[in-house]
Amino acid sequence: MEKPTASSLSFLGNLPHSKTPFQFIVMSCIITVITTAGFELNSENHWNIIFFTTTLVLFLSILITFLAKYEISEVDYDKQMRFARSFGISIATLCFLFAGKKAINDGDVFPIIAYPSIIQILIFFIYVFVKETFSENGSYQDTGGVPISRKINYLQLCLITTSLLVGVATSAGLKTSNNGRYNVSHYESAMFMLLTMWIICIMFWIYILIQKTSVTFKIRGDFKSID
């Protein structure tokens, strides 16, 4: 089997990008809020401080990820998108395993994990469909310009979206398996907060997908008018 070369893995250099390392901030917030929800804190105020601080940091990190732009070549862009789609679908599929296991003890937790996973799988498969069906013959390159969505760090956005989904699944699972040892409301707060952040990311994916589709149809329409 051919070994990966430096050039073939160059797109991974965007993962720890010095200007946009927000995926690590998001992961730290998710770990912090879920882990702290299981602590037996002396005061409810301690939980409130941790919860609202991590929520604010999460929201700001996601917002900056949406707004941050950076230069990327066409080759690296395509590699990022392929990796993002496959990674997002794979992790969402694995969440079904977790959902099924936790549903043995509490059937109510299954839709909380399964439905967001289905939505994420559908969104990324729609990206595959749009890419393979409408972006043929390099139509983007023929326009002489690069759509704004090309400058978004898709790898980072995918990691953030998928991490939030895993956070939702983890907090939902812990909520059902603590056997009353801890404050269930803390896990519920963490779960719904992470679910809200995940929905925000999914809505942004949909927004970019609509942009990409409309641009592609416009390009195809221009080519037809030229012909």
C-alpha atoms as a PDB file:
ATOM      1  CA  MET A   1       0.000   0.000   0.000  1.00  0.00           C
ATOM      2  CA  GLU A   2       1.276   3.452  -0.921  1.00  0.00           C
ATOM      3  CA  LYS A   3       2.442   5.508   2.016  1.00  0.00           C
ATOM      4  CA  PRO A   4       0.910   8.984   2.461  1.00  0.00           C
ATOM      5  CA  THR A   5       3.216  11.741   1.281  1.00  0.00           C
ATOM      6  CA  ALA A   6       3.742  15.158   2.811  1.00  0.00           C
ATOM      7  CA  SER A   7       1.761  16.816   0.026  1.00  0.00           C
ATOM      8  CA  SER A   8      -1.167  14.407   0.361  1.00  0.00           C
ATOM      9  CA  LEU A   9      -1.425  15.228   4.062  1.00  0.00           C
ATOM     10  CA  SER A  10      -0.820  18.952   3.707  1.00  0.00           C
ATOM     11  CA  PHE A  11      -4.487  19.753   4.245  1.00  0.00           C
ATOM     12  CA  LEU A  12      -4.176  18.452   7.811  1.00  0.00           C
ATOM     13  CA  GLY A  13      -2.009  21.461   8.486  1.00  0.00           C
ATOM     14  CA  ASN A  14      -5.240  23.427   8.727  1.00  0.00           C
ATOM     15  CA  LEU A  15      -6.285  21.410  11.788  1.00  0.00           C
ATOM     16  CA  PRO A  16      -4.014  23.136  14.330  1.00  0.00           C
ATOM     17  CA  HIS A  17      -4.135  26.392  12.350  1.00  0.00           C
ATOM     18  CA  SER A  18      -2.424  29.116  14.413  1.00  0.00           C
ATOM     19  CA  LYS A  19      -5.085  31.674  13.571  1.00  0.00           C
ATOM     20  CA  THR A  20      -8.165  29.507  14.134  1.00  0.00           C
ATOM     21  CA  PRO A  21      -7.549  26.842  16.790  1.00  0.00           C
ATOM     22  CA  PHE A  22     -11.152  26.974  17.985  1.00  0.00           C
ATOM     23  CA  GLN A  23     -11.819  23.267  17.685  1.00  0.00           C
ATOM     24  CA  PHE A  24      -9.585  22.697  20.718  1.00  0.00           C
ATOM     25  CA  ILE A  25     -11.381  25.395  22.709  1.00  0.00           C
ATOM     26  CA  VAL A  26     -14.731  23.827  21.861  1.00  0.00           C
ATOM     27  CA  MET A  27     -13.544  20.345  22.840  1.00  0.00           C
ATOM     28  CA  SER A  28     -12.201  21.689  26.145  1.00  0.00           C
ATOM     29  CA  CYS A  29     -15.537  23.354  26.913  1.00  0.00           C
ATOM     30  CA  ILE A  30     -17.478  20.182  26.110  1.00  0.00           C
ATOM     31  CA  ILE A  31     -15.257  18.052  28.335  1.00  0.00           C
ATOM     32  CA  THR A  32     -15.415  20.620  31.136  1.00  0.00           C
ATOM     33  CA  VAL A  33     -19.195  21.072  31.210  1.00  0.00           C
ATOM     34  CA  ILE A  34     -19.956  17.330  30.965  1.00  0.00           C
ATOM     35  CA  THR A  35     -17.369  16.322  33.563  1.00  0.00           C
ATOM     36  CA  THR A  36     -18.359  19.070  35.996  1.00  0.00           C
ATOM     37  CA  ALA A  37     -22.023  18.079  35.692  1.00  0.00           C
ATOM     38  CA  GLY A  38     -21.083  14.856  37.474  1.00  0.00           C
ATOM     39  CA  PHE A  39     -19.381  16.590  40.380  1.00  0.00           C
ATOM     40  CA  GLU A  40     -21.106  16.901  43.735  1.00  0.00           C
ATOM     41  CA  LEU A  41     -20.495  20.624  44.145  1.00  0.00           C
ATOM     42  CA  ASN A  42     -20.967  22.413  47.464  1.00  0.00           C
ATOM     43  CA  SER A  43     -22.939  25.245  45.930  1.00  0.00           C
ATOM     44  CA  GLU A  44     -25.276  25.552  42.943  1.00  0.00           C
ATOM     45  CA  ASN A  45     -23.588  28.874  42.178  1.00  0.00           C
ATOM     46  CA  HIS A  46     -20.380  27.012  41.387  1.00  0.00           C
ATOM     47  CA  TRP A  47     -22.181  25.026  38.698  1.00  0.00           C
ATOM     48  CA  ASN A  48     -23.864  28.168  37.339  1.00  0.00           C
ATOM     49  CA  ILE A  49     -20.521  29.938  36.978  1.00  0.00           C
ATOM     50  CA  ILE A  50     -18.955  26.974  35.172  1.00  0.00           C
ATOM     51  CA  PHE A  51     -21.999  26.379  32.963  1.00  0.00           C
ATOM     52  CA  PHE A  52     -22.533  29.953  31.813  1.00  0.00           C
ATOM     53  CA  THR A  53     -18.816  30.579  31.287  1.00  0.00           C
ATOM     54  CA  THR A  54     -18.361  27.486  29.129  1.00  0.00           C
ATOM     55  CA  THR A  55     -21.575  28.323  27.246  1.00  0.00           C
ATOM     56  CA  LEU A  56     -20.297  31.822  26.470  1.00  0.00           C
ATOM     57  CA  VAL A  57     -16.875  30.545  25.382  1.00  0.00           C
ATOM     58  CA  LEU A  58     -18.515  27.884  23.208  1.00  0.00           C
ATOM     59  CA  PHE A  59     -20.832  30.374  21.518  1.00  0.00           C
ATOM     60  CA  LEU A  60     -18.064  32.894  20.840  1.00  0.00           C
ATOM     61  CA  SER A  61     -15.741  30.185  19.494  1.00  0.00           C
ATOM     62  CA  ILE A  62     -18.420  28.900  17.131  1.00  0.00           C
ATOM     63  CA  LEU A  63     -19.296  32.432  16.019  1.00  0.00           C
ATOM     64  CA  ILE A  64     -15.665  33.259  15.244  1.00  0.00           C
ATOM     65  CA  THR A  65     -15.359  29.969  13.348  1.00  0.00           C
ATOM     66  CA  PHE A  66     -18.277  31.052  11.163  1.00  0.00           C
ATOM     67  CA  LEU A  67     -16.715  34.449  10.494  1.00  0.00           C
ATOM     68  CA  ALA A  68     -13.042  33.480  10.158  1.00  0.00           C
ATOM     69  CA  LYS A  69     -11.747  33.223   6.601  1.00  0.00           C
ATOM     70  CA  TYR A  70      -8.421  31.958   5.312  1.00  0.00           C
ATOM     71  CA  GLU A  71      -6.796  31.214   1.993  1.00  0.00           C
ATOM     72  CA  ILE A  72      -6.927  27.650   0.729  1.00  0.00           C
ATOM     73  CA  SER A  73      -5.996  26.033  -2.573  1.00  0.00           C
ATOM     74  CA  GLU A  74      -8.506  24.107  -4.662  1.00  0.00           C
ATOM     75  CA  VAL A  75      -6.691  20.830  -3.985  1.00  0.00           C
ATOM     76  CA  ASP A  76      -6.648  21.305  -0.211  1.00  0.00           C
ATOM     77  CA  TYR A  77     -10.266  22.473  -0.304  1.00  0.00           C
ATOM     78  CA  ASP A  78     -11.392  19.241  -1.991  1.00  0.00           C
ATOM     79  CA  LYS A  79      -9.384  17.136   0.482  1.00  0.00           C
ATOM     80  CA  GLN A  80     -10.876  19.021   3.406  1.00  0.00           C
ATOM     81  CA  MET A  81     -14.404  18.512   2.134  1.00  0.00           C
ATOM     82  CA  ARG A  82     -13.930  14.794   1.497  1.00  0.00           C
ATOM     83  CA  PHE A  83     -12.463  14.271   4.957  1.00  0.00           C
ATOM     84  CA  ALA A  84     -15.117  16.446   6.643  1.00  0.00           C
ATOM     85  CA  ARG A  85     -17.985  14.590   4.989  1.00  0.00           C
ATOM     86  CA  SER A  86     -16.666  11.104   5.748  1.00  0.00           C
ATOM     87  CA  PHE A  87     -15.669  12.022   9.314  1.00  0.00           C
ATOM     88  CA  GLY A  88     -19.034  13.668  10.062  1.00  0.00           C
ATOM     89  CA  ILE A  89     -20.995  10.695   8.702  1.00  0.00           C
ATOM     90  CA  SER A  90     -18.791   8.111  10.457  1.00  0.00           C
ATOM     91  CA  ILE A  91     -19.025   9.658  13.921  1.00  0.00           C
ATOM     92  CA  ALA A  92     -22.775  10.286  13.581  1.00  0.00           C
ATOM     93  CA  THR A  93     -23.215   6.618  12.628  1.00  0.00           C
ATOM     94  CA  LEU A  94     -21.203   5.474  15.648  1.00  0.00           C
ATOM     95  CA  CYS A  95     -23.511   7.541  17.858  1.00  0.00           C
ATOM     96  CA  PHE A  96     -26.255   5.017  17.029  1.00  0.00           C
ATOM     97  CA  LEU A  97     -24.201   2.378  18.828  1.00  0.00           C
ATOM     98  CA  PHE A  98     -24.114   4.569  21.922  1.00  0.00           C
ATOM     99  CA  ALA A  99     -27.825   5.390  21.574  1.00  0.00           C
ATOM    100  CA  GLY A 100     -28.771   1.735  21.336  1.00  0.00           C
ATOM    101  CA  LYS A 101     -26.712   0.820  24.377  1.00  0.00           C
ATOM    102  CA  LYS A 102     -28.189   3.579  26.534  1.00  0.00           C
ATOM    103  CA  ALA A 103     -31.726   2.868  25.291  1.00  0.00           C
ATOM    104  CA  ILE A 104     -31.570  -0.508  27.041  1.00  0.00           C
ATOM    105  CA  ASN A 105     -32.017   1.269  30.379  1.00  0.00           C
ATOM    106  CA  ASP A 106     -33.918   4.351  29.187  1.00  0.00           C
ATOM    107  CA  GLY A 107     -35.762   4.407  25.877  1.00  0.00           C
ATOM    108  CA  ASP A 108     -36.298   8.171  26.083  1.00  0.00           C
ATOM    109  CA  VAL A 109     -32.623   8.849  25.492  1.00  0.00           C
ATOM    110  CA  PHE A 110     -32.613   7.124  22.090  1.00  0.00           C
ATOM    111  CA  PRO A 111     -34.318   9.902  20.058  1.00  0.00           C
ATOM    112  CA  ILE A 112     -32.186  12.567  21.747  1.00  0.00           C
ATOM    113  CA  ILE A 113     -29.071  10.918  20.308  1.00  0.00           C
ATOM    114  CA  ALA A 114     -30.459   9.231  17.191  1.00  0.00           C
ATOM    115  CA  TYR A 115     -32.397  12.093  15.591  1.00  0.00           C
ATOM    116  CA  PRO A 116     -29.505  14.599  15.586  1.00  0.00           C
ATOM    117  CA  SER A 117     -27.270  11.820  14.245  1.00  0.00           C
ATOM    118  CA  ILE A 118     -29.698  11.172  11.380  1.00  0.00           C
ATOM    119  CA  ILE A 119     -29.851  14.890  10.572  1.00  0.00           C
ATOM    120  CA  GLN A 120     -26.055  15.171  10.502  1.00  0.00           C
ATOM    121  CA  ILE A 121     -25.750  12.110   8.254  1.00  0.00           C
ATOM    122  CA  LEU A 122     -28.340  13.533   5.853  1.00  0.00           C
ATOM    123  CA  ILE A 123     -26.665  16.961   5.720  1.00  0.00           C
ATOM    124  CA  PHE A 124     -23.270  15.524   4.849  1.00  0.00           C
ATOM    125  CA  PHE A 125     -24.727  13.099   2.308  1.00  0.00           C
ATOM    126  CA  ILE A 126     -26.496  16.039   0.659  1.00  0.00           C
ATOM    127  CA  TYR A 127     -23.075  17.695   0.433  1.00  0.00           C
ATOM    128  CA  VAL A 128     -21.791  14.572  -1.324  1.00  0.00           C
ATOM    129  CA  PHE A 129     -24.761  14.650  -3.729  1.00  0.00           C
ATOM    130  CA  VAL A 130     -24.313  18.337  -4.533  1.00  0.00           C
ATOM    131  CA  LYS A 131     -20.564  17.917  -5.023  1.00  0.00           C
ATOM    132  CA  GLU A 132     -20.823  14.859  -7.265  1.00  0.00           C
ATOM    133  CA  THR A 133     -23.904  15.971  -9.212  1.00  0.00           C
ATOM    134  CA  PHE A 134     -23.629  19.721  -9.707  1.00  0.00           C
ATOM    135  CA  SER A 135     -19.928  20.563  -9.352  1.00  0.00           C
ATOM    136  CA  GLU A 136     -18.823  18.637 -12.392  1.00  0.00           C
ATOM    137  CA  ASN A 137     -16.040  19.604 -14.789  1.00  0.00           C
ATOM    138  CA  GLY A 138     -14.532  22.057 -12.331  1.00  0.00           C
ATOM    139  CA  SER A 139     -17.237  24.678 -12.898  1.00  0.00           C
ATOM    140  CA  TYR A 140     -16.024  26.703  -9.926  1.00  0.00           C
ATOM    141  CA  GLN A 141     -12.599  27.210 -11.461  1.00  0.00           C
ATOM    142  CA  ASP A 142     -14.164  28.322 -14.748  1.00  0.00           C
ATOM    143  CA  THR A 143     -15.850  31.328 -13.141  1.00  0.00           C
ATOM    144  CA  GLY A 144     -12.555  33.062 -12.435  1.00  0.00           C
ATOM    145  CA  GLY A 145     -13.560  33.547  -8.819  1.00  0.00           C
ATOM    146  CA  VAL A 146     -13.807  31.577  -5.597  1.00  0.00           C
ATOM    147  CA  PRO A 147     -17.082  31.424  -3.634  1.00  0.00           C
ATOM    148  CA  ILE A 148     -16.921  32.804  -0.103  1.00  0.00           C
ATOM    149  CA  SER A 149     -17.629  29.347   1.314  1.00  0.00           C
ATOM    150  CA  ARG A 150     -14.297  28.164  -0.077  1.00  0.00           C
ATOM    151  CA  LYS A 151     -12.515  30.236   2.568  1.00  0.00           C
ATOM    152  CA  ILE A 152     -14.230  28.595   5.526  1.00  0.00           C
ATOM    153  CA  ASN A 153     -12.190  26.062   7.467  1.00  0.00           C
ATOM    154  CA  TYR A 154     -14.460  23.090   6.799  1.00  0.00           C
ATOM    155  CA  LEU A 155     -12.221  20.685   8.669  1.00  0.00           C
ATOM    156  CA  GLN A 156     -12.449  22.782  11.811  1.00  0.00           C
ATOM    157  CA  LEU A 157     -16.197  23.329  11.409  1.00  0.00           C
ATOM    158  CA  CYS A 158     -16.753  19.596  10.947  1.00  0.00           C
ATOM    159  CA  LEU A 159     -14.725  18.730  14.047  1.00  0.00           C
ATOM    160  CA  ILE A 160     -16.678  21.272  16.097  1.00  0.00           C
ATOM    161  CA  THR A 161     -20.059  20.055  14.819  1.00  0.00           C
ATOM    162  CA  THR A 162     -19.183  16.411  15.401  1.00  0.00           C
ATOM    163  CA  SER A 163     -17.695  17.093  18.845  1.00  0.00           C
ATOM    164  CA  LEU A 164     -20.935  18.787  19.871  1.00  0.00           C
ATOM    165  CA  LEU A 165     -22.928  15.765  18.690  1.00  0.00           C
ATOM    166  CA  VAL A 166     -20.696  13.448  20.717  1.00  0.00           C
ATOM    167  CA  GLY A 167     -21.133  15.801  23.678  1.00  0.00           C
ATOM    168  CA  VAL A 168     -24.917  15.578  23.368  1.00  0.00           C
ATOM    169  CA  ALA A 169     -24.766  11.785  23.232  1.00  0.00           C
ATOM    170  CA  THR A 170     -22.370  11.581  26.199  1.00  0.00           C
ATOM    171  CA  SER A 171     -24.353  13.914  28.454  1.00  0.00           C
ATOM    172  CA  ALA A 172     -27.616  12.171  27.553  1.00  0.00           C
ATOM    173  CA  GLY A 173     -26.069   8.800  28.342  1.00  0.00           C
ATOM    174  CA  LEU A 174     -24.601   9.931  31.658  1.00  0.00           C
ATOM    175  CA  LYS A 175     -27.947  11.451  32.636  1.00  0.00           C
ATOM    176  CA  THR A 176     -29.569   8.029  32.439  1.00  0.00           C
ATOM    177  CA  SER A 177     -26.761   6.041  34.068  1.00  0.00           C
ATOM    178  CA  ASN A 178     -25.930   8.018  37.214  1.00  0.00           C
ATOM    179  CA  ASN A 179     -28.616   6.164  39.250  1.00  0.00           C
ATOM    180  CA  GLY A 180     -29.537   9.295  41.161  1.00  0.00           C
ATOM    181  CA  ARG A 181     -26.045   9.817  42.528  1.00  0.00           C
ATOM    182  CA  TYR A 182     -25.724  13.303  41.051  1.00  0.00           C
ATOM    183  CA  ASN A 183     -27.919  16.209  40.076  1.00  0.00           C
ATOM    184  CA  VAL A 184     -29.619  15.030  36.878  1.00  0.00           C
ATOM    185  CA  SER A 185     -30.571  18.608  36.000  1.00  0.00           C
ATOM    186  CA  HIS A 186     -26.881  19.429  35.474  1.00  0.00           C
ATOM    187  CA  TYR A 187     -26.567  16.733  32.827  1.00  0.00           C
ATOM    188  CA  GLU A 188     -29.817  17.903  31.253  1.00  0.00           C
ATOM    189  CA  SER A 189     -28.580  21.502  31.164  1.00  0.00           C
ATOM    190  CA  ALA A 190     -25.312  20.395  29.551  1.00  0.00           C
ATOM    191  CA  MET A 191     -27.159  18.213  27.065  1.00  0.00           C
ATOM    192  CA  PHE A 192     -29.608  20.892  25.897  1.00  0.00           C
ATOM    193  CA  MET A 193     -26.910  23.556  25.750  1.00  0.00           C
ATOM    194  CA  LEU A 194     -24.682  21.348  23.575  1.00  0.00           C
ATOM    195  CA  LEU A 195     -27.693  20.385  21.470  1.00  0.00           C
ATOM    196  CA  THR A 196     -28.468  24.068  20.897  1.00  0.00           C
ATOM    197  CA  MET A 197     -24.880  24.750  19.822  1.00  0.00           C
ATOM    198  CA  TRP A 198     -25.004  21.729  17.509  1.00  0.00           C
ATOM    199  CA  ILE A 199     -28.228  23.024  15.916  1.00  0.00           C
ATOM    200  CA  ILE A 200     -26.541  26.399  15.311  1.00  0.00           C
ATOM    201  CA  CYS A 201     -23.674  24.620  13.509  1.00  0.00           C
ATOM    202  CA  ILE A 202     -26.070  22.476  11.463  1.00  0.00           C
ATOM    203  CA  MET A 203     -28.046  25.567  10.439  1.00  0.00           C
ATOM    204  CA  PHE A 204     -24.798  27.136   9.243  1.00  0.00           C
ATOM    205  CA  TRP A 205     -23.964  24.007   7.233  1.00  0.00           C
ATOM    206  CA  ILE A 206     -27.406  24.258   5.625  1.00  0.00           C
ATOM    207  CA  TYR A 207     -26.847  27.954   4.895  1.00  0.00           C
ATOM    208  CA  ILE A 208     -23.524  27.229   3.171  1.00  0.00           C
ATOM    209  CA  LEU A 209     -25.103  24.316   1.295  1.00  0.00           C
ATOM    210  CA  ILE A 210     -27.854  26.605  -0.049  1.00  0.00           C
ATOM    211  CA  GLN A 211     -25.222  29.177  -1.035  1.00  0.00           C
ATOM    212  CA  LYS A 212     -23.126  26.563  -2.799  1.00  0.00           C
ATOM    213  CA  THR A 213     -26.129  25.119  -4.642  1.00  0.00           C
ATOM    214  CA  SER A 214     -27.422  28.523  -5.775  1.00  0.00           C
ATOM    215  CA  VAL A 215     -23.951  29.543  -7.008  1.00  0.00           C
ATOM    216  CA  THR A 216     -23.615  26.285  -8.921  1.00  0.00           C
ATOM    217  CA  PHE A 217     -27.007  26.632 -10.594  1.00  0.00           C
ATOM    218  CA  LYS A 218     -26.130  30.211 -11.549  1.00  0.00           C
ATOM    219  CA  ILE A 219     -22.847  29.056 -13.092  1.00  0.00           C
ATOM    220  CA  ARG A 220     -24.567  26.267 -15.006  1.00  0.00           C
ATOM    221  CA  GLY A 221     -27.197  28.741 -16.209  1.00  0.00           C
ATOM    222  CA  ASP A 222     -24.488  31.130 -17.425  1.00  0.00           C
ATOM    223  CA  PHE A 223     -22.778  28.327 -19.340  1.00  0.00           C
ATOM    224  CA  LYS A 224     -26.055  27.356 -20.982  1.00  0.00           C
ATOM    225  CA  SER A 225     -26.727  30.962 -22.005  1.00  0.00           C
ATOM    226  CA  ILE A 226     -23.236  31.144 -23.565  1.00  0.00           C
ATOM    227  CA  ASP A 227     -23.870  27.943 -25.499  1.00  0.00           C
END
